[in-house]
Amino acid sequence: MVYIPKLKGIVFEKDYIETHLDEILFIELKTTKKYLPENPKGFFFGATENEFNFGKLLGDRFRFCFVCLNEKSPSYVMLTIEELEKIIRNKRIQFQINL
């Protein structure tokens, strides 16, 4: 997802992205229906090495957005790679193999 923070009330024209490229945030959405009263604590998700590499390359212009769709705890939290890595409890590599 692409997020443009200053777009509220502004008419979006075709050259807007090129003009305001430095303001655009790139967002990777992760969703769950799990009850998470302290989102993102308890969130389980999959991510590729490419997502993490892209996030590191973009720095503060990239966020993971953790969206809780549970009706008892609807919420979202956006974290940079740096912020996310500080709270990761467990991370493992999984091989995806086609034969």
PDB file of N, CA and C in Angstrom:
ATOM      1  N   MET A   1       0.849  -1.153   0.000  1.00  0.00           N
ATOM      2  CA  MET A   1       0.000   0.000   0.000  1.00  0.00           C
ATOM      3  C   MET A   1       0.906   1.229   0.000  1.00  0.00           C
ATOM      4  N   VAL A   2       0.440   2.276  -0.615  1.00  0.00           N
ATOM      5  CA  VAL A   2       1.155   3.551  -0.605  1.00  0.00           C
ATOM      6  C   VAL A   2       0.344   4.525   0.239  1.00  0.00           C
ATOM      7  N   TYR A   3       0.984   5.189   1.182  1.00  0.00           N
ATOM      8  CA  TYR A   3       0.321   6.144   2.070  1.00  0.00           C
ATOM      9  C   TYR A   3       0.946   7.514   1.868  1.00  0.00           C
ATOM     10  N   ILE A   4       0.086   8.488   1.597  1.00  0.00           N
ATOM     11  CA  ILE A   4       0.551   9.860   1.412  1.00  0.00           C
ATOM     12  C   ILE A   4      -0.048  10.692   2.540  1.00  0.00           C
ATOM     13  N   PRO A   5       0.720  10.953   3.590  1.00  0.00           N
ATOM     14  CA  PRO A   5       0.184  11.611   4.790  1.00  0.00           C
ATOM     15  C   PRO A   5      -0.492  12.958   4.544  1.00  0.00           C
ATOM     16  N   LYS A   6       0.003  13.772   3.637  1.00  0.00           N
ATOM     17  CA  LYS A   6      -0.524  15.124   3.451  1.00  0.00           C
ATOM     18  C   LYS A   6      -1.623  15.206   2.395  1.00  0.00           C
ATOM     19  N   LEU A   7      -2.175  14.094   1.971  1.00  0.00           N
ATOM     20  CA  LEU A   7      -3.139  14.108   0.878  1.00  0.00           C
ATOM     21  C   LEU A   7      -4.516  14.606   1.300  1.00  0.00           C
ATOM     22  N   LYS A   8      -4.837  14.636   2.581  1.00  0.00           N
ATOM     23  CA  LYS A   8      -6.152  15.080   3.031  1.00  0.00           C
ATOM     24  C   LYS A   8      -6.433  16.496   2.523  1.00  0.00           C
ATOM     25  N   GLY A   9      -7.558  16.651   1.861  1.00  0.00           N
ATOM     26  CA  GLY A   9      -7.962  17.969   1.392  1.00  0.00           C
ATOM     27  C   GLY A   9      -7.222  18.460   0.167  1.00  0.00           C
ATOM     28  N   ILE A  10      -6.314  17.665  -0.372  1.00  0.00           N
ATOM     29  CA  ILE A  10      -5.541  18.063  -1.545  1.00  0.00           C
ATOM     30  C   ILE A  10      -6.070  17.299  -2.753  1.00  0.00           C
ATOM     31  N   VAL A  11      -6.238  18.008  -3.851  1.00  0.00           N
ATOM     32  CA  VAL A  11      -6.675  17.345  -5.075  1.00  0.00           C
ATOM     33  C   VAL A  11      -5.504  16.538  -5.620  1.00  0.00           C
ATOM     34  N   PHE A  12      -5.739  15.251  -5.821  1.00  0.00           N
ATOM     35  CA  PHE A  12      -4.688  14.359  -6.300  1.00  0.00           C
ATOM     36  C   PHE A  12      -4.585  14.486  -7.811  1.00  0.00           C
ATOM     37  N   GLU A  13      -3.459  14.984  -8.276  1.00  0.00           N
ATOM     38  CA  GLU A  13      -3.222  15.120  -9.709  1.00  0.00           C
ATOM     39  C   GLU A  13      -2.138  14.141 -10.116  1.00  0.00           C
ATOM     40  N   LYS A  14      -2.034  13.873 -11.413  1.00  0.00           N
ATOM     41  CA  LYS A  14      -1.129  12.827 -11.886  1.00  0.00           C
ATOM     42  C   LYS A  14       0.333  13.064 -11.546  1.00  0.00           C
ATOM     43  N   ASP A  15       0.781  14.296 -11.371  1.00  0.00           N
ATOM     44  CA  ASP A  15       2.188  14.557 -11.037  1.00  0.00           C
ATOM     45  C   ASP A  15       2.434  14.671  -9.533  1.00  0.00           C
ATOM     46  N   TYR A  16       1.390  14.437  -8.723  1.00  0.00           N
ATOM     47  CA  TYR A  16       1.520  14.587  -7.270  1.00  0.00           C
ATOM     48  C   TYR A  16       2.590  13.651  -6.710  1.00  0.00           C
ATOM     49  N   ILE A  17       2.587  12.398  -7.136  1.00  0.00           N
ATOM     50  CA  ILE A  17       3.537  11.416  -6.599  1.00  0.00           C
ATOM     51  C   ILE A  17       4.971  11.839  -6.888  1.00  0.00           C
ATOM     52  N   GLU A  18       5.246  12.247  -8.120  1.00  0.00           N
ATOM     53  CA  GLU A  18       6.604  12.687  -8.460  1.00  0.00           C
ATOM     54  C   GLU A  18       7.008  13.921  -7.663  1.00  0.00           C
ATOM     55  N   THR A  19       6.077  14.820  -7.448  1.00  0.00           N
ATOM     56  CA  THR A  19       6.364  16.064  -6.724  1.00  0.00           C
ATOM     57  C   THR A  19       6.595  15.814  -5.240  1.00  0.00           C
ATOM     58  N   HIS A  20       5.885  14.857  -4.668  1.00  0.00           N
ATOM     59  CA  HIS A  20       5.935  14.604  -3.225  1.00  0.00           C
ATOM     60  C   HIS A  20       6.491  13.222  -2.895  1.00  0.00           C
ATOM     61  N   LEU A  21       7.381  12.700  -3.723  1.00  0.00           N
ATOM     62  CA  LEU A  21       7.931  11.363  -3.547  1.00  0.00           C
ATOM     63  C   LEU A  21       8.574  11.173  -2.177  1.00  0.00           C
ATOM     64  N   ASP A  22       9.209  12.200  -1.642  1.00  0.00           N
ATOM     65  CA  ASP A  22       9.886  12.089  -0.349  1.00  0.00           C
ATOM     66  C   ASP A  22       8.915  11.989   0.827  1.00  0.00           C
ATOM     67  N   GLU A  23       7.631  12.245   0.610  1.00  0.00           N
ATOM     68  CA  GLU A  23       6.625  12.187   1.681  1.00  0.00           C
ATOM     69  C   GLU A  23       5.863  10.865   1.697  1.00  0.00           C
ATOM     70  N   ILE A  24       6.020  10.060   0.664  1.00  0.00           N
ATOM     71  CA  ILE A  24       5.248   8.833   0.522  1.00  0.00           C
ATOM     72  C   ILE A  24       5.816   7.723   1.415  1.00  0.00           C
ATOM     73  N   LEU A  25       4.908   7.031   2.110  1.00  0.00           N
ATOM     74  CA  LEU A  25       5.287   5.869   2.907  1.00  0.00           C
ATOM     75  C   LEU A  25       4.803   4.611   2.189  1.00  0.00           C
ATOM     76  N   PHE A  26       5.638   3.589   2.181  1.00  0.00           N
ATOM     77  CA  PHE A  26       5.278   2.301   1.613  1.00  0.00           C
ATOM     78  C   PHE A  26       4.892   1.386   2.766  1.00  0.00           C
ATOM     79  N   ILE A  27       3.686   0.845   2.708  1.00  0.00           N
ATOM     80  CA  ILE A  27       3.119   0.087   3.816  1.00  0.00           C
ATOM     81  C   ILE A  27       2.890  -1.363   3.401  1.00  0.00           C
ATOM     82  N   GLU A  28       3.376  -2.292   4.218  1.00  0.00           N
ATOM     83  CA  GLU A  28       3.096  -3.719   4.046  1.00  0.00           C
ATOM     84  C   GLU A  28       2.043  -4.088   5.082  1.00  0.00           C
ATOM     85  N   LEU A  29       0.834  -4.434   4.623  1.00  0.00           N
ATOM     86  CA  LEU A  29      -0.271  -4.759   5.525  1.00  0.00           C
ATOM     87  C   LEU A  29      -0.220  -6.208   5.985  1.00  0.00           C
ATOM     88  N   LYS A  30      -0.434  -6.397   7.272  1.00  0.00           N
ATOM     89  CA  LYS A  30      -0.575  -7.728   7.868  1.00  0.00           C
ATOM     90  C   LYS A  30      -1.861  -7.681   8.688  1.00  0.00           C
ATOM     91  N   THR A  31      -2.749  -8.643   8.463  1.00  0.00           N
ATOM     92  CA  THR A  31      -4.030  -8.620   9.156  1.00  0.00           C
ATOM     93  C   THR A  31      -4.273  -9.907   9.935  1.00  0.00           C
ATOM     94  N   THR A  32      -5.109  -9.793  10.950  1.00  0.00           N
ATOM     95  CA  THR A  32      -5.527 -10.943  11.738  1.00  0.00           C
ATOM     96  C   THR A  32      -6.922 -10.699  12.282  1.00  0.00           C
ATOM     97  N   LYS A  33      -7.631 -11.783  12.550  1.00  0.00           N
ATOM     98  CA  LYS A  33      -8.926 -11.695  13.228  1.00  0.00           C
ATOM     99  C   LYS A  33      -8.790 -12.117  14.687  1.00  0.00           C
ATOM    100  N   LYS A  34      -7.566 -12.426  15.085  1.00  0.00           N
ATOM    101  CA  LYS A  34      -7.283 -12.842  16.461  1.00  0.00           C
ATOM    102  C   LYS A  34      -7.569 -11.683  17.428  1.00  0.00           C
ATOM    103  N   TYR A  35      -8.034 -12.000  18.608  1.00  0.00           N
ATOM    104  CA  TYR A  35      -8.263 -11.002  19.647  1.00  0.00           C
ATOM    105  C   TYR A  35      -6.912 -10.518  20.173  1.00  0.00           C
ATOM    106  N   LEU A  36      -6.581  -9.269  19.913  1.00  0.00           N
ATOM    107  CA  LEU A  36      -5.294  -8.693  20.335  1.00  0.00           C
ATOM    108  C   LEU A  36      -5.524  -7.361  21.047  1.00  0.00           C
ATOM    109  N   PRO A  37      -5.780  -7.396  22.337  1.00  0.00           N
ATOM    110  CA  PRO A  37      -6.029  -6.146  23.056  1.00  0.00           C
ATOM    111  C   PRO A  37      -4.800  -5.247  23.144  1.00  0.00           C
ATOM    112  N   GLU A  38      -3.594  -5.807  22.898  1.00  0.00           N
ATOM    113  CA  GLU A  38      -2.358  -5.026  22.931  1.00  0.00           C
ATOM    114  C   GLU A  38      -1.633  -5.137  21.584  1.00  0.00           C
ATOM    115  N   ASN A  39      -2.372  -4.966  20.506  1.00  0.00           N
ATOM    116  CA  ASN A  39      -1.803  -5.026  19.165  1.00  0.00           C
ATOM    117  C   ASN A  39      -0.529  -4.167  19.095  1.00  0.00           C
ATOM    118  N   PRO A  40       0.611  -4.693  18.600  1.00  0.00           N
ATOM    119  CA  PRO A  40       0.822  -5.925  17.871  1.00  0.00           C
ATOM    120  C   PRO A  40       1.259  -7.109  18.740  1.00  0.00           C
ATOM    121  N   LYS A  41       1.254  -6.957  20.066  1.00  0.00           N
ATOM    122  CA  LYS A  41       1.659  -8.063  20.932  1.00  0.00           C
ATOM    123  C   LYS A  41       0.769  -9.276  20.667  1.00  0.00           C
ATOM    124  N   GLY A  42       1.392 -10.420  20.339  1.00  0.00           N
ATOM    125  CA  GLY A  42       0.677 -11.648  20.044  1.00  0.00           C
ATOM    126  C   GLY A  42       0.390 -11.856  18.569  1.00  0.00           C
ATOM    127  N   PHE A  43       0.776 -10.895  17.738  1.00  0.00           N
ATOM    128  CA  PHE A  43       0.540 -10.992  16.288  1.00  0.00           C
ATOM    129  C   PHE A  43       1.459 -12.058  15.701  1.00  0.00           C
ATOM    130  N   PHE A  44       0.911 -12.927  14.854  1.00  0.00           N
ATOM    131  CA  PHE A  44       1.702 -13.928  14.140  1.00  0.00           C
ATOM    132  C   PHE A  44       1.517 -13.650  12.657  1.00  0.00           C
ATOM    133  N   PHE A  45       2.627 -13.537  11.911  1.00  0.00           N
ATOM    134  CA  PHE A  45       2.519 -13.233  10.489  1.00  0.00           C
ATOM    135  C   PHE A  45       3.708 -13.799   9.735  1.00  0.00           C
ATOM    136  N   GLY A  46       3.551 -13.910   8.442  1.00  0.00           N
ATOM    137  CA  GLY A  46       4.634 -14.335   7.567  1.00  0.00           C
ATOM    138  C   GLY A  46       5.180 -13.138   6.818  1.00  0.00           C
ATOM    139  N   ALA A  47       6.462 -13.144   6.573  1.00  0.00           N
ATOM    140  CA  ALA A  47       7.094 -12.078   5.800  1.00  0.00           C
ATOM    141  C   ALA A  47       8.280 -12.663   5.053  1.00  0.00           C
ATOM    142  N   THR A  48       8.567 -12.108   3.905  1.00  0.00           N
ATOM    143  CA  THR A  48       9.696 -12.592   3.120  1.00  0.00           C
ATOM    144  C   THR A  48      10.953 -11.797   3.455  1.00  0.00           C
ATOM    145  N   GLU A  49      12.078 -12.384   3.109  1.00  0.00           N
ATOM    146  CA  GLU A  49      13.345 -11.673   3.264  1.00  0.00           C
ATOM    147  C   GLU A  49      13.333 -10.399   2.418  1.00  0.00           C
ATOM    148  N   ASN A  50      12.698 -10.467   1.256  1.00  0.00           N
ATOM    149  CA  ASN A  50      12.605  -9.291   0.390  1.00  0.00           C
ATOM    150  C   ASN A  50      11.854  -8.144   1.060  1.00  0.00           C
ATOM    151  N   GLU A  51      10.801  -8.460   1.817  1.00  0.00           N
ATOM    152  CA  GLU A  51      10.065  -7.405   2.527  1.00  0.00           C
ATOM    153  C   GLU A  51      10.976  -6.708   3.535  1.00  0.00           C
ATOM    154  N   PHE A  52      11.744  -7.492   4.273  1.00  0.00           N
ATOM    155  CA  PHE A  52      12.662  -6.904   5.252  1.00  0.00           C
ATOM    156  C   PHE A  52      13.776  -6.120   4.564  1.00  0.00           C
ATOM    157  N   ASN A  53      14.311  -6.658   3.469  1.00  0.00           N
ATOM    158  CA  ASN A  53      15.366  -5.937   2.740  1.00  0.00           C
ATOM    159  C   ASN A  53      14.841  -4.633   2.161  1.00  0.00           C
ATOM    160  N   PHE A  54      13.642  -4.659   1.604  1.00  0.00           N
ATOM    161  CA  PHE A  54      13.016  -3.461   1.052  1.00  0.00           C
ATOM    162  C   PHE A  54      12.810  -2.425   2.157  1.00  0.00           C
ATOM    163  N   GLY A  55      12.335  -2.898   3.309  1.00  0.00           N
ATOM    164  CA  GLY A  55      12.121  -2.002   4.444  1.00  0.00           C
ATOM    165  C   GLY A  55      13.407  -1.373   4.940  1.00  0.00           C
ATOM    166  N   LYS A  56      14.466  -2.148   4.986  1.00  0.00           N
ATOM    167  CA  LYS A  56      15.764  -1.607   5.421  1.00  0.00           C
ATOM    168  C   LYS A  56      16.290  -0.590   4.414  1.00  0.00           C
ATOM    169  N   LEU A  57      16.074  -0.862   3.144  1.00  0.00           N
ATOM    170  CA  LEU A  57      16.518   0.043   2.090  1.00  0.00           C
ATOM    171  C   LEU A  57      15.781   1.383   2.159  1.00  0.00           C
ATOM    172  N   LEU A  58      14.483   1.330   2.428  1.00  0.00           N
ATOM    173  CA  LEU A  58      13.685   2.557   2.491  1.00  0.00           C
ATOM    174  C   LEU A  58      13.748   3.262   3.839  1.00  0.00           C
ATOM    175  N   GLY A  59      14.157   2.558   4.879  1.00  0.00           N
ATOM    176  CA  GLY A  59      14.281   3.179   6.207  1.00  0.00           C
ATOM    177  C   GLY A  59      12.949   3.685   6.736  1.00  0.00           C
ATOM    178  N   ASP A  60      12.891   4.964   7.113  1.00  0.00           N
ATOM    179  CA  ASP A  60      11.685   5.547   7.714  1.00  0.00           C
ATOM    180  C   ASP A  60      10.525   5.695   6.733  1.00  0.00           C
ATOM    181  N   ARG A  61      10.741   5.385   5.475  1.00  0.00           N
ATOM    182  CA  ARG A  61       9.671   5.508   4.478  1.00  0.00           C
ATOM    183  C   ARG A  61       8.931   4.185   4.281  1.00  0.00           C
ATOM    184  N   PHE A  62       9.254   3.169   5.083  1.00  0.00           N
ATOM    185  CA  PHE A  62       8.598   1.865   5.007  1.00  0.00           C
ATOM    186  C   PHE A  62       8.030   1.505   6.368  1.00  0.00           C
ATOM    187  N   ARG A  63       6.838   0.929   6.370  1.00  0.00           N
ATOM    188  CA  ARG A  63       6.218   0.469   7.610  1.00  0.00           C
ATOM    189  C   ARG A  63       5.535  -0.871   7.385  1.00  0.00           C
ATOM    190  N   PHE A  64       5.551  -1.694   8.421  1.00  0.00           N
ATOM    191  CA  PHE A  64       4.634  -2.807   8.509  1.00  0.00           C
ATOM    192  C   PHE A  64       3.426  -2.263   9.257  1.00  0.00           C
ATOM    193  N   CYS A  65       2.236  -2.542   8.758  1.00  0.00           N
ATOM    194  CA  CYS A  65       1.017  -2.117   9.443  1.00  0.00           C
ATOM    195  C   CYS A  65       0.279  -3.369   9.898  1.00  0.00           C
ATOM    196  N   PHE A  66       0.134  -3.519  11.202  1.00  0.00           N
ATOM    197  CA  PHE A  66      -0.523  -4.670  11.800  1.00  0.00           C
ATOM    198  C   PHE A  66      -1.963  -4.291  12.116  1.00  0.00           C
ATOM    199  N   VAL A  67      -2.894  -4.921  11.408  1.00  0.00           N
ATOM    200  CA  VAL A  67      -4.312  -4.591  11.527  1.00  0.00           C
ATOM    201  C   VAL A  67      -5.037  -5.734  12.217  1.00  0.00           C
ATOM    202  N   CYS A  68      -5.705  -5.414  13.305  1.00  0.00           N
ATOM    203  CA  CYS A  68      -6.516  -6.389  14.028  1.00  0.00           C
ATOM    204  C   CYS A  68      -7.976  -6.154  13.642  1.00  0.00           C
ATOM    205  N   LEU A  69      -8.596  -7.167  13.033  1.00  0.00           N
ATOM    206  CA  LEU A  69      -9.977  -7.072  12.560  1.00  0.00           C
ATOM    207  C   LEU A  69     -10.981  -7.672  13.538  1.00  0.00           C
ATOM    208  N   ASN A  70     -10.518  -8.078  14.703  1.00  0.00           N
ATOM    209  CA  ASN A  70     -11.404  -8.663  15.699  1.00  0.00           C
ATOM    210  C   ASN A  70     -12.353  -7.587  16.224  1.00  0.00           C
ATOM    211  N   GLU A  71     -13.642  -7.920  16.273  1.00  0.00           N
ATOM    212  CA  GLU A  71     -14.637  -6.919  16.688  1.00  0.00           C
ATOM    213  C   GLU A  71     -14.463  -6.460  18.135  1.00  0.00           C
ATOM    214  N   LYS A  72     -13.781  -7.255  18.973  1.00  0.00           N
ATOM    215  CA  LYS A  72     -13.548  -6.862  20.361  1.00  0.00           C
ATOM    216  C   LYS A  72     -12.280  -6.031  20.542  1.00  0.00           C
ATOM    217  N   SER A  73     -11.409  -6.025  19.530  1.00  0.00           N
ATOM    218  CA  SER A  73     -10.164  -5.259  19.655  1.00  0.00           C
ATOM    219  C   SER A  73      -9.698  -4.692  18.304  1.00  0.00           C
ATOM    220  N   PRO A  74     -10.579  -3.965  17.599  1.00  0.00           N
ATOM    221  CA  PRO A  74     -10.162  -3.418  16.302  1.00  0.00           C
ATOM    222  C   PRO A  74      -9.067  -2.362  16.495  1.00  0.00           C
ATOM    223  N   SER A  75      -7.978  -2.521  15.742  1.00  0.00           N
ATOM    224  CA  SER A  75      -6.873  -1.577  15.895  1.00  0.00           C
ATOM    225  C   SER A  75      -5.873  -1.761  14.774  1.00  0.00           C
ATOM    226  N   TYR A  76      -4.957  -0.805  14.692  1.00  0.00           N
ATOM    227  CA  TYR A  76      -3.825  -0.958  13.790  1.00  0.00           C
ATOM    228  C   TYR A  76      -2.608  -0.284  14.407  1.00  0.00           C
ATOM    229  N   VAL A  77      -1.433  -0.791  14.048  1.00  0.00           N
ATOM    230  CA  VAL A  77      -0.167  -0.243  14.527  1.00  0.00           C
ATOM    231  C   VAL A  77       0.794  -0.256  13.343  1.00  0.00           C
ATOM    232  N   MET A  78       1.469   0.867  13.109  1.00  0.00           N
ATOM    233  CA  MET A  78       2.474   0.927  12.048  1.00  0.00           C
ATOM    234  C   MET A  78       3.856   1.008  12.681  1.00  0.00           C
ATOM    235  N   LEU A  79       4.762   0.130  12.220  1.00  0.00           N
ATOM    236  CA  LEU A  79       6.120   0.068  12.771  1.00  0.00           C
ATOM    237  C   LEU A  79       7.155   0.062  11.648  1.00  0.00           C
ATOM    238  N   THR A  80       8.261   0.759  11.885  1.00  0.00           N
ATOM    239  CA  THR A  80       9.393   0.679  10.967  1.00  0.00           C
ATOM    240  C   THR A  80      10.083  -0.670  11.183  1.00  0.00           C
ATOM    241  N   ILE A  81      10.973  -1.030  10.293  1.00  0.00           N
ATOM    242  CA  ILE A  81      11.746  -2.272  10.462  1.00  0.00           C
ATOM    243  C   ILE A  81      12.513  -2.219  11.775  1.00  0.00           C
ATOM    244  N   GLU A  82      13.122  -1.093  12.063  1.00  0.00           N
ATOM    245  CA  GLU A  82      13.898  -0.939  13.302  1.00  0.00           C
ATOM    246  C   GLU A  82      13.020  -1.154  14.533  1.00  0.00           C
ATOM    247  N   GLU A  83      11.836  -0.554  14.551  1.00  0.00           N
ATOM    248  CA  GLU A  83      10.920  -0.714  15.680  1.00  0.00           C
ATOM    249  C   GLU A  83      10.445  -2.163  15.791  1.00  0.00           C
ATOM    250  N   LEU A  84      10.156  -2.777  14.649  1.00  0.00           N
ATOM    251  CA  LEU A  84       9.693  -4.162  14.643  1.00  0.00           C
ATOM    252  C   LEU A  84      10.763  -5.112  15.163  1.00  0.00           C
ATOM    253  N   GLU A  85      12.000  -4.935  14.714  1.00  0.00           N
ATOM    254  CA  GLU A  85      13.069  -5.843  15.135  1.00  0.00           C
ATOM    255  C   GLU A  85      13.328  -5.783  16.636  1.00  0.00           C
ATOM    256  N   LYS A  86      13.019  -4.678  17.271  1.00  0.00           N
ATOM    257  CA  LYS A  86      13.193  -4.551  18.722  1.00  0.00           C
ATOM    258  C   LYS A  86      12.190  -5.396  19.509  1.00  0.00           C
ATOM    259  N   ILE A  87      11.042  -5.705  18.894  1.00  0.00           N
ATOM    260  CA  ILE A  87      10.010  -6.437  19.645  1.00  0.00           C
ATOM    261  C   ILE A  87       9.777  -7.860  19.137  1.00  0.00           C
ATOM    262  N   ILE A  88      10.486  -8.287  18.091  1.00  0.00           N
ATOM    263  CA  ILE A  88      10.325  -9.657  17.584  1.00  0.00           C
ATOM    264  C   ILE A  88      10.807 -10.646  18.645  1.00  0.00           C
ATOM    265  N   ARG A  89       9.946 -11.587  19.004  1.00  0.00           N
ATOM    266  CA  ARG A  89      10.305 -12.605  19.995  1.00  0.00           C
ATOM    267  C   ARG A  89      10.943 -13.822  19.346  1.00  0.00           C
ATOM    268  N   ASN A  90      10.454 -14.191  18.162  1.00  0.00           N
ATOM    269  CA  ASN A  90      10.953 -15.389  17.495  1.00  0.00           C
ATOM    270  C   ASN A  90      10.840 -15.179  15.988  1.00  0.00           C
ATOM    271  N   LYS A  91      11.887 -15.554  15.278  1.00  0.00           N
ATOM    272  CA  LYS A  91      11.910 -15.409  13.825  1.00  0.00           C
ATOM    273  C   LYS A  91      12.590 -16.652  13.261  1.00  0.00           C
ATOM    274  N   ARG A  92      11.957 -17.302  12.262  1.00  0.00           N
ATOM    275  CA  ARG A  92      12.537 -18.499  11.695  1.00  0.00           C
ATOM    276  C   ARG A  92      12.467 -18.434  10.183  1.00  0.00           C
ATOM    277  N   ILE A  93      13.315 -19.187   9.540  1.00  0.00           N
ATOM    278  CA  ILE A  93      13.356 -19.261   8.080  1.00  0.00           C
ATOM    279  C   ILE A  93      12.536 -20.460   7.643  1.00  0.00           C
ATOM    280  N   GLN A  94      11.719 -20.264   6.611  1.00  0.00           N
ATOM    281  CA  GLN A  94      10.918 -21.346   6.048  1.00  0.00           C
ATOM    282  C   GLN A  94      11.233 -21.426   4.558  1.00  0.00           C
ATOM    283  N   PHE A  95      11.494 -22.609   4.075  1.00  0.00           N
ATOM    284  CA  PHE A  95      11.779 -22.797   2.649  1.00  0.00           C
ATOM    285  C   PHE A  95      10.488 -23.088   1.904  1.00  0.00           C
ATOM    286  N   GLN A  96      10.269 -22.393   0.797  1.00  0.00           N
ATOM    287  CA  GLN A  96       9.154 -22.658  -0.092  1.00  0.00           C
ATOM    288  C   GLN A  96       9.733 -23.369  -1.307  1.00  0.00           C
ATOM    289  N   ILE A  97       9.298 -24.600  -1.560  1.00  0.00           N
ATOM    290  CA  ILE A  97       9.926 -25.429  -2.596  1.00  0.00           C
ATOM    291  C   ILE A  97       8.874 -25.891  -3.612  1.00  0.00           C
ATOM    292  N   ASN A  98       9.200 -25.684  -4.863  1.00  0.00           N
ATOM    293  CA  ASN A  98       8.392 -26.213  -5.959  1.00  0.00           C
ATOM    294  C   ASN A  98       9.136 -27.347  -6.633  1.00  0.00           C
ATOM    295  N   LEU A  99       8.466 -28.433  -6.951  1.00  0.00           N
ATOM    296  CA  LEU A  99       9.061 -29.572  -7.661  1.00  0.00           C
ATOM    297  C   LEU A  99       8.364 -29.768  -8.992  1.00  0.00           C
TER     298      LEU A  99
END
